[in-house]
């Protein structure tokens, strides 16, 4: 009798455990928010004032004048600029990133951050728990011992179990509230160099000054408050910012906890408003059906659409297969595809009509649109747009085009792999 009671009790516990696991999996693999599922009507073009008003009204922060945005190509330009900004800090450094691995560049950032903290600068570092799993914990301990406030976003704790699949993918560095950096780069030795071979990844980052830096600071503080409960404010974080350049810009964010569809909406608005050309560079291009239809509609009304993705040099072959499985309707509509050849292509950028550019952390996939915390800088400027188009052209010249016939002729085994990968697209 006692054995039966014990067996019955174990069965109840096992059932409860399985039920709890199922609930947690459901919470982590799904979004509570409704998806955008209908095409947006085409009401304006990129150079219309209504397009600018819609970006401000629908995405949150307004487009503000007077900003300078400097393009930094690959690790040899990006890392020295970021480290120099940290070393120049007088009051505050706020740093949020997804990837932070051990290695020589990780060591350099720790040295710079700890030196400033010991000098009395308030240094706050927010790392994604998943993205920083390869980081030596001794580096974290070293920063904390020097007075750096370090947090890991959604580190496994009971209070976080329902949100473990929500990661911060944002890449933000704000120094003294006056200079900001954003883009695609992570803190790992893969990004060192000038993208000359597979050991040096291709990426772009941006150094920003002007009034929009206050918006960048607010995006960092959004997650810092969620992670710590601490409110950072005052002149050390939000100084008065004078105009610094000619560009109109906007920094906005998305998160499953509030407005996960805003990033998706931004891309749909820009594609729908396009009049002449769309140049899209993205390391993880796995569009949903609505986005495919929106791109196809743009191509059919005469917009020249080019999409640049990684080649076999990619850190996730599953993502590449899921991406290629969707190319058929777009290639049939005349959209051009090419795969970057020299190394892993980690760039995330959109340029529309040489006037509107969106750069930042966002991948063109469901994970970025609905599961991750992301942040993008939008710039309305013909000068900046021309510069980003020139960068795109240089990357396109190092890529191999994929024609419709080539896509149709791919082997049956590749098609099967693509179909299997496509089943995972909601989590990629």
Protein backbone atom coordinates (compact mmCIF):
# COMPACT_ATOMS: atom_id res chain seq x y z
CA UNK A 1 0.00 0.00 0.00
CA UNK A 2 2.81 2.38 0.92
CA UNK A 3 4.54 1.65 -2.38
CA UNK A 4 1.34 2.48 -4.27
CA UNK A 5 1.01 5.80 -2.45
CA UNK A 6 4.66 6.59 -3.17
CA UNK A 7 4.22 5.69 -6.86
CA UNK A 8 1.06 7.79 -7.00
CA UNK A 9 2.85 10.72 -5.40
CA UNK A 10 5.75 10.44 -7.82
CA UNK A 11 3.31 10.37 -10.73
CA UNK A 12 1.66 13.57 -9.48
CA UNK A 13 5.04 15.27 -9.12
CA UNK A 14 6.13 14.11 -12.57
CA UNK A 15 2.88 15.35 -14.10
CA UNK A 16 3.29 18.71 -12.39
CA UNK A 17 6.88 18.98 -13.60
CA UNK A 18 5.92 18.16 -17.19
CA UNK A 19 3.03 20.65 -17.04
CA UNK A 20 5.32 23.37 -15.68
CA UNK A 21 7.90 22.65 -18.38
CA UNK A 22 5.20 22.84 -21.06
CA UNK A 23 3.97 26.18 -19.71
CA UNK A 24 7.51 27.60 -19.63
CA UNK A 25 8.21 26.40 -23.17
CA UNK A 26 4.98 27.97 -24.38
CA UNK A 27 5.82 31.26 -22.66
CA UNK A 28 9.31 31.30 -24.17
CA UNK A 29 8.47 30.17 -27.70
CA UNK A 30 5.46 32.39 -28.29
CA UNK A 31 4.59 36.05 -28.17
CA UNK A 32 1.49 37.36 -26.45
CA UNK A 33 1.17 40.24 -28.90
CA UNK A 34 -0.78 40.13 -32.14
CA UNK A 35 1.24 40.04 -35.37
CA UNK A 36 0.81 42.48 -38.21
CA UNK A 37 -0.91 40.31 -40.79
CA UNK A 38 -2.23 42.70 -43.43
CA UNK A 39 -0.30 44.69 -46.01
CA UNK A 40 0.00 48.40 -45.34
CA UNK A 41 -1.71 50.67 -47.88
CA UNK A 42 0.72 52.84 -49.85
CA UNK A 43 -0.18 56.37 -48.77
CA UNK A 44 3.08 58.29 -49.29
CA UNK A 45 6.68 58.10 -50.51
CA UNK A 46 9.97 58.40 -48.65
CA UNK A 47 10.43 62.10 -49.45
CA UNK A 48 6.93 63.05 -48.25
CA UNK A 49 6.50 64.87 -44.95
CA UNK A 50 3.78 62.37 -44.07
CA UNK A 51 6.33 59.53 -44.11
CA UNK A 52 8.45 61.40 -41.57
CA UNK A 53 5.41 62.14 -39.41
CA UNK A 54 4.37 58.47 -39.51
CA UNK A 55 7.82 57.32 -38.40
CA UNK A 56 7.66 59.67 -35.43
CA UNK A 57 4.04 58.96 -34.50
CA UNK A 58 4.02 55.18 -34.95
CA UNK A 59 7.50 54.29 -33.70
CA UNK A 60 7.66 56.55 -30.66
CA UNK A 61 10.50 59.08 -30.47
CA UNK A 62 10.41 61.97 -32.94
CA UNK A 63 12.90 62.54 -35.72
CA UNK A 64 15.22 65.29 -34.48
CA UNK A 65 17.49 67.64 -36.42
CA UNK A 66 21.16 68.43 -35.92
CA UNK A 67 22.96 65.10 -35.73
CA UNK A 68 26.29 63.80 -36.97
CA UNK A 69 26.53 60.09 -37.82
CA UNK A 70 29.95 58.67 -38.71
CA UNK A 71 30.21 55.30 -40.47
CA UNK A 72 32.80 52.88 -39.04
CA UNK A 73 33.72 49.86 -41.16
CA UNK A 74 34.94 46.63 -39.54
CA UNK A 75 36.81 46.08 -36.34
CA UNK A 76 39.91 48.08 -37.23
CA UNK A 77 37.79 51.25 -37.31
CA UNK A 78 35.05 50.29 -34.86
CA UNK A 79 36.93 49.09 -31.78
CA UNK A 80 39.50 51.92 -31.57
CA UNK A 81 36.70 54.49 -31.82
CA UNK A 82 34.63 52.85 -29.09
CA UNK A 83 37.62 52.36 -26.77
CA UNK A 84 38.77 55.96 -27.29
CA UNK A 85 35.30 57.21 -26.36
CA UNK A 86 35.27 55.10 -23.18
CA UNK A 87 38.74 56.30 -22.18
CA UNK A 88 37.63 59.92 -22.67
CA UNK A 89 34.61 59.59 -20.34
CA UNK A 90 34.35 62.16 -17.55
CA UNK A 91 31.05 61.27 -15.89
CA UNK A 92 29.19 58.21 -17.25
CA UNK A 93 29.53 55.19 -19.53
CA UNK A 94 26.49 53.07 -20.41
CA UNK A 95 27.20 49.93 -22.43
CA UNK A 96 24.74 47.26 -23.59
CA UNK A 97 25.57 44.40 -25.94
CA UNK A 98 24.52 40.91 -26.91
CA UNK A 99 27.82 39.18 -27.76
CA UNK A 100 30.66 39.51 -25.27
CA UNK A 101 33.19 36.68 -25.45
CA UNK A 102 36.61 36.24 -23.93
CA UNK A 103 39.56 37.18 -26.13
CA UNK A 104 41.92 40.05 -26.75
CA UNK A 105 39.24 42.64 -27.56
CA UNK A 106 37.18 41.55 -24.58
CA UNK A 107 40.27 42.13 -22.46
CA UNK A 108 40.75 45.63 -23.92
CA UNK A 109 37.17 46.65 -23.15
CA UNK A 110 37.44 45.39 -19.57
CA UNK A 111 40.66 47.34 -19.11
CA UNK A 112 39.09 50.55 -20.44
CA UNK A 113 35.88 50.19 -18.43
CA UNK A 114 37.62 49.33 -15.16
CA UNK A 115 40.14 52.17 -15.53
CA UNK A 116 37.31 54.70 -15.91
CA UNK A 117 35.39 53.21 -12.97
CA UNK A 118 38.45 53.51 -10.74
CA UNK A 119 38.79 57.13 -11.89
CA UNK A 120 35.32 57.88 -10.51
CA UNK A 121 33.27 57.57 -13.70
CA UNK A 122 29.91 55.82 -13.23
CA UNK A 123 30.12 52.78 -15.53
CA UNK A 124 27.06 50.60 -16.21
CA UNK A 125 27.36 47.42 -18.30
CA UNK A 126 24.40 45.30 -19.40
CA UNK A 127 25.20 41.98 -21.12
CA UNK A 128 22.76 39.47 -22.49
CA UNK A 129 23.06 36.23 -20.54
CA UNK A 130 22.94 33.99 -23.63
CA UNK A 131 25.22 36.19 -25.72
CA UNK A 132 27.84 36.44 -22.97
CA UNK A 133 27.93 32.75 -22.02
CA UNK A 134 31.40 32.43 -23.61
CA UNK A 135 32.75 35.25 -21.48
CA UNK A 136 35.18 34.31 -18.72
CA UNK A 137 33.43 35.04 -15.41
CA UNK A 138 36.77 36.35 -14.12
CA UNK A 139 36.32 39.35 -16.41
CA UNK A 140 32.94 40.09 -14.83
CA UNK A 141 34.40 39.75 -11.36
CA UNK A 142 37.24 42.09 -12.31
CA UNK A 143 34.83 44.77 -13.52
CA UNK A 144 32.66 44.50 -10.43
CA UNK A 145 35.70 44.71 -8.15
CA UNK A 146 36.70 47.95 -9.89
CA UNK A 147 33.26 49.48 -9.29
CA UNK A 148 31.62 48.75 -12.64
CA UNK A 149 27.91 48.02 -12.28
CA UNK A 150 27.46 44.81 -14.30
CA UNK A 151 24.18 43.03 -14.99
CA UNK A 152 23.28 40.07 -17.17
CA UNK A 153 19.95 40.42 -18.92
CA UNK A 154 17.53 37.58 -18.12
CA UNK A 155 20.07 35.45 -16.36
CA UNK A 156 18.26 32.22 -15.35
CA UNK A 157 16.34 32.93 -12.16
CA UNK A 158 12.90 31.86 -11.07
CA UNK A 159 11.50 35.33 -11.86
CA UNK A 160 12.88 35.12 -15.41
CA UNK A 161 11.90 31.59 -16.43
CA UNK A 162 9.02 32.84 -18.57
CA UNK A 163 11.30 35.26 -20.45
CA UNK A 164 14.49 33.30 -21.09
CA UNK A 165 13.82 33.39 -24.84
CA UNK A 166 13.64 37.21 -24.71
CA UNK A 167 17.21 38.44 -25.19
CA UNK A 168 18.66 41.89 -25.49
CA UNK A 169 20.23 42.04 -28.91
CA UNK A 170 20.79 45.81 -28.67
CA UNK A 171 24.27 47.23 -29.26
CA UNK A 172 24.57 50.57 -27.47
CA UNK A 173 27.41 52.58 -26.01
CA UNK A 174 26.72 56.07 -24.66
CA UNK A 175 29.53 58.14 -23.14
CA UNK A 176 28.75 61.17 -20.95
CA UNK A 177 25.33 61.34 -22.58
CA UNK A 178 26.97 63.07 -25.56
CA UNK A 179 28.49 60.41 -27.82
CA UNK A 180 26.69 57.25 -28.86
CA UNK A 181 27.57 54.12 -30.80
CA UNK A 182 25.29 51.55 -32.38
CA UNK A 183 25.41 48.97 -35.16
CA UNK A 184 26.02 45.27 -35.53
CA UNK A 185 29.37 44.55 -33.89
CA UNK A 186 29.83 42.27 -30.88
CA UNK A 187 32.73 42.16 -28.46
CA UNK A 188 34.68 39.20 -29.82
CA UNK A 189 37.87 38.69 -31.80
CA UNK A 190 35.82 37.52 -34.82
CA UNK A 191 35.17 41.21 -35.53
CA UNK A 192 38.82 42.31 -35.54
CA UNK A 193 40.49 43.29 -38.79
CA UNK A 194 39.14 44.52 -42.14
CA UNK A 195 37.05 41.59 -43.41
CA UNK A 196 39.95 40.30 -45.50
CA UNK A 197 39.35 36.58 -44.84
CA UNK A 198 36.98 34.27 -42.89
CA UNK A 199 38.75 35.08 -39.62
CA UNK A 200 37.67 38.75 -39.87
CA UNK A 201 33.93 39.33 -39.97
CA UNK A 202 32.40 42.12 -42.06
CA UNK A 203 30.34 44.61 -40.01
CA UNK A 204 29.41 48.29 -39.69
CA UNK A 205 28.99 50.46 -36.62
CA UNK A 206 28.16 54.16 -36.20
CA UNK A 207 29.41 56.97 -33.96
CA UNK A 208 26.68 59.52 -33.23
CA UNK A 209 26.64 63.02 -31.75
CA UNK A 210 23.81 65.53 -31.46
CA UNK A 211 20.31 65.57 -29.91
CA UNK A 212 19.46 61.99 -30.95
CA UNK A 213 22.03 60.70 -28.44
CA UNK A 214 19.48 61.45 -25.70
CA UNK A 215 17.16 58.95 -27.39
CA UNK A 216 19.99 56.39 -27.47
CA UNK A 217 20.49 56.93 -23.75
CA UNK A 218 16.78 56.40 -23.11
CA UNK A 219 16.88 53.08 -24.98
CA UNK A 220 19.72 51.88 -22.76
CA UNK A 221 17.93 53.05 -19.62
CA UNK A 222 14.80 51.14 -20.65
CA UNK A 223 16.57 47.80 -20.21
CA UNK A 224 18.76 48.96 -17.33
CA UNK A 225 15.63 49.76 -15.31
CA UNK A 226 14.13 46.40 -16.22
CA UNK A 227 17.30 44.61 -15.14
CA UNK A 228 18.09 46.57 -11.97
CA UNK A 229 15.11 48.73 -10.98
CA UNK A 230 17.52 51.69 -10.94
CA UNK A 231 16.55 54.98 -12.60
CA UNK A 232 19.53 56.84 -14.05
CA UNK A 233 18.83 60.51 -14.71
CA UNK A 234 20.22 63.98 -14.33
CA UNK A 235 22.78 66.05 -16.22
CA UNK A 236 25.44 63.32 -16.11
CA UNK A 237 23.18 61.16 -18.30
CA UNK A 238 21.08 63.76 -20.11
CA UNK A 239 23.14 66.92 -20.71
CA UNK A 240 21.89 69.68 -22.97
CA UNK A 241 22.85 68.67 -26.50
CA UNK A 242 23.60 71.27 -29.16
CA UNK A 243 23.30 70.52 -32.88
CA UNK A 244 26.37 68.61 -34.10
CA UNK A 245 25.65 67.87 -37.76
CA UNK A 246 23.23 68.03 -40.68
CA UNK A 247 21.24 64.82 -40.26
CA UNK A 248 17.68 64.25 -39.06
CA UNK A 249 17.60 61.07 -36.97
CA UNK A 250 15.55 58.91 -34.62
CA UNK A 251 16.58 56.11 -32.25
CA UNK A 252 13.84 53.68 -31.42
CA UNK A 253 13.56 50.30 -29.78
CA UNK A 254 11.36 47.23 -29.73
CA UNK A 255 10.75 44.59 -27.09
CA UNK A 256 8.28 41.72 -26.52
CA UNK A 257 7.32 43.39 -23.25
CA UNK A 258 6.07 46.43 -25.12
CA UNK A 259 5.87 47.06 -28.84
CA UNK A 260 7.56 44.01 -30.32
CA UNK A 261 5.94 44.74 -33.70
CA UNK A 262 7.37 48.27 -34.00
CA UNK A 263 10.58 47.11 -35.70
CA UNK A 264 8.63 45.00 -38.18
CA UNK A 265 6.30 47.95 -38.76
CA UNK A 266 9.22 50.27 -39.47
CA UNK A 267 10.55 47.99 -42.21
CA UNK A 268 7.08 47.59 -43.73
CA UNK A 269 6.54 51.38 -43.73
CA UNK A 270 9.86 52.00 -45.46
CA UNK A 271 9.38 49.28 -48.08
CA UNK A 272 5.84 50.44 -48.82
CA UNK A 273 7.00 54.08 -49.21
CA UNK A 274 9.88 53.20 -51.57
CA UNK A 275 9.72 54.85 -54.97
CA UNK A 276 12.96 53.93 -56.76
CA UNK A 277 15.23 51.53 -54.88
CA UNK A 278 15.65 49.40 -51.79
CA UNK A 279 19.10 48.15 -50.76
CA UNK A 280 18.87 45.70 -47.88
CA UNK A 281 21.94 44.14 -46.25
CA UNK A 282 21.28 41.67 -43.48
CA UNK A 283 23.13 38.80 -41.86
CA UNK A 284 19.99 36.81 -41.02
CA UNK A 285 17.33 37.35 -43.67
CA UNK A 286 14.33 35.10 -42.87
CA UNK A 287 11.26 37.16 -43.87
CA UNK A 288 7.70 36.22 -43.03
CA UNK A 289 5.02 35.89 -45.72
CA UNK A 290 3.73 39.45 -45.23
CA UNK A 291 7.18 40.96 -45.67
CA UNK A 292 7.78 38.85 -48.78
CA UNK A 293 4.51 40.11 -50.28
CA UNK A 294 5.46 43.71 -49.42
CA UNK A 295 8.86 43.36 -51.09
CA UNK A 296 7.31 41.69 -54.14
CA UNK A 297 4.73 44.49 -54.44
CA UNK A 298 7.54 47.05 -54.37
CA UNK A 299 9.42 45.24 -57.14
CA UNK A 300 6.30 44.94 -59.27
CA UNK A 301 5.64 48.69 -59.10
CA UNK A 302 9.13 49.31 -60.47
CA UNK A 303 11.28 49.62 -57.37
CA UNK A 304 14.78 48.16 -57.81
CA UNK A 305 15.23 45.79 -54.84
CA UNK A 306 18.58 44.23 -53.94
CA UNK A 307 19.17 41.97 -50.95
CA UNK A 308 22.66 41.09 -49.71
CA UNK A 309 23.12 38.13 -47.36
CA UNK A 310 25.95 35.89 -46.09
CA UNK A 311 27.38 33.05 -48.17
CA UNK A 312 28.59 29.75 -46.74
CA UNK A 313 30.72 31.80 -44.34
CA UNK A 314 27.97 32.03 -41.71
CA UNK A 315 27.72 31.12 -38.06
CA UNK A 316 24.29 29.51 -38.52
CA UNK A 317 23.79 27.36 -41.61
CA UNK A 318 20.23 26.68 -40.44
CA UNK A 319 19.41 30.38 -40.80
CA UNK A 320 20.94 30.45 -44.29
CA UNK A 321 18.87 27.46 -45.37
CA UNK A 322 15.67 28.91 -43.92
CA UNK A 323 16.42 32.15 -45.76
CA UNK A 324 17.08 30.56 -49.16
CA UNK A 325 13.89 28.54 -48.96
CA UNK A 326 11.86 31.76 -49.25
CA UNK A 327 13.63 33.39 -52.20
CA UNK A 328 11.51 31.96 -55.04
CA UNK A 329 8.64 34.50 -55.19
CA UNK A 330 11.06 37.39 -54.74
CA UNK A 331 13.42 36.23 -57.48
CA UNK A 332 10.42 35.70 -59.78
CA UNK A 333 9.37 39.31 -59.13
CA UNK A 334 12.80 40.58 -60.21
CA UNK A 335 14.34 41.11 -56.78
CA UNK A 336 18.12 40.63 -56.93
CA UNK A 337 19.98 38.50 -54.39
CA UNK A 338 23.71 38.15 -53.77
CA UNK A 339 25.83 36.37 -51.14
CA UNK A 340 28.88 38.06 -49.65
CA UNK A 341 31.94 35.91 -50.36
CA UNK A 342 35.08 36.85 -48.36
CA UNK A 343 33.84 36.19 -44.82
CA UNK A 344 30.85 36.19 -42.46
CA UNK A 345 28.60 39.13 -43.38
CA UNK A 346 27.14 40.55 -40.15
CA UNK A 347 25.86 43.92 -41.46
CA UNK A 348 22.29 45.05 -40.73
CA UNK A 349 21.28 48.01 -42.86
CA UNK A 350 18.45 49.29 -45.05
CA UNK A 351 18.65 52.20 -47.51
CA UNK A 352 15.52 53.37 -49.33
CA UNK A 353 15.64 55.82 -52.25
CA UNK A 354 19.02 57.10 -51.05
CA UNK A 355 17.14 59.17 -48.47
CA UNK A 356 16.04 56.93 -45.59
CA UNK A 357 18.51 54.62 -43.85
CA UNK A 358 17.95 52.32 -40.88
CA UNK A 359 20.96 50.82 -39.09
CA UNK A 360 21.46 49.07 -35.77
CA UNK A 361 21.08 45.65 -34.20
CA UNK A 362 18.01 44.29 -35.98
CA UNK A 363 18.15 41.15 -38.08
CA UNK A 364 15.50 40.63 -40.74
CA UNK A 365 13.86 37.68 -38.99
CA UNK A 366 11.16 36.73 -36.53
CA UNK A 367 13.55 36.66 -33.57
CA UNK A 368 14.48 40.32 -34.04
CA UNK A 369 10.96 41.40 -34.96
CA UNK A 370 9.11 39.64 -32.14
CA UNK A 371 11.37 37.92 -29.56
CA UNK A 372 14.46 40.06 -28.97
CA UNK A 373 14.96 43.55 -27.60
CA UNK A 374 16.35 45.55 -30.53
CA UNK A 375 17.37 49.14 -31.30
CA UNK A 376 17.78 50.92 -34.65
CA UNK A 377 18.91 54.36 -35.68
CA UNK A 378 16.86 55.86 -38.52
CA UNK A 379 18.45 58.68 -40.52
CA UNK A 380 16.64 60.91 -43.04
CA UNK A 381 19.43 62.45 -45.10
CA UNK A 382 20.46 62.34 -48.74
CA UNK A 383 24.13 62.74 -47.78
CA UNK A 384 24.03 59.87 -45.29
CA UNK A 385 21.90 57.82 -47.70
CA UNK A 386 24.47 58.26 -50.49
CA UNK A 387 27.24 57.19 -48.12
CA UNK A 388 25.37 54.04 -47.10
CA UNK A 389 24.62 53.24 -50.74
CA UNK A 390 28.34 53.50 -51.52
CA UNK A 391 29.10 51.06 -48.70
CA UNK A 392 26.41 48.72 -50.04
CA UNK A 393 27.86 48.93 -53.57
CA UNK A 394 31.32 48.02 -52.27
CA UNK A 395 29.90 44.99 -50.45
CA UNK A 396 27.78 44.00 -53.47
CA UNK A 397 30.93 44.02 -55.61
CA UNK A 398 32.39 41.34 -53.31
CA UNK A 399 29.24 39.19 -53.47
CA UNK A 400 28.09 36.44 -55.82
CA UNK A 401 24.65 36.96 -57.44
CA UNK A 402 22.06 34.17 -57.16
CA UNK A 403 19.76 33.97 -60.19
CA UNK A 404 16.28 32.51 -60.34
CA UNK A 405 17.55 29.63 -62.48
CA UNK A 406 20.34 28.86 -60.02
CA UNK A 407 17.82 28.85 -57.20
CA UNK A 408 15.52 26.50 -59.13
CA UNK A 409 18.42 24.16 -59.98
CA UNK A 410 19.62 23.63 -56.41
CA UNK A 411 19.90 19.96 -55.40
CA UNK A 412 16.99 18.04 -53.89
CA UNK A 413 18.96 17.44 -50.68
CA UNK A 414 19.40 21.19 -50.28
CA UNK A 415 15.67 21.75 -50.79
CA UNK A 416 14.87 19.21 -48.08
CA UNK A 417 17.31 20.85 -45.67
CA UNK A 418 15.79 24.25 -46.46
CA UNK A 419 12.27 22.94 -45.85
CA UNK A 420 13.31 21.54 -42.47
CA UNK A 421 15.04 24.79 -41.50
CA UNK A 422 11.97 26.78 -42.56
CA UNK A 423 9.93 24.98 -39.88
CA UNK A 424 12.09 26.71 -37.25
CA UNK A 425 11.72 30.19 -38.74
CA UNK A 426 9.68 31.58 -35.81
CA UNK A 427 12.69 31.02 -33.53
CA UNK A 428 15.46 32.07 -35.95
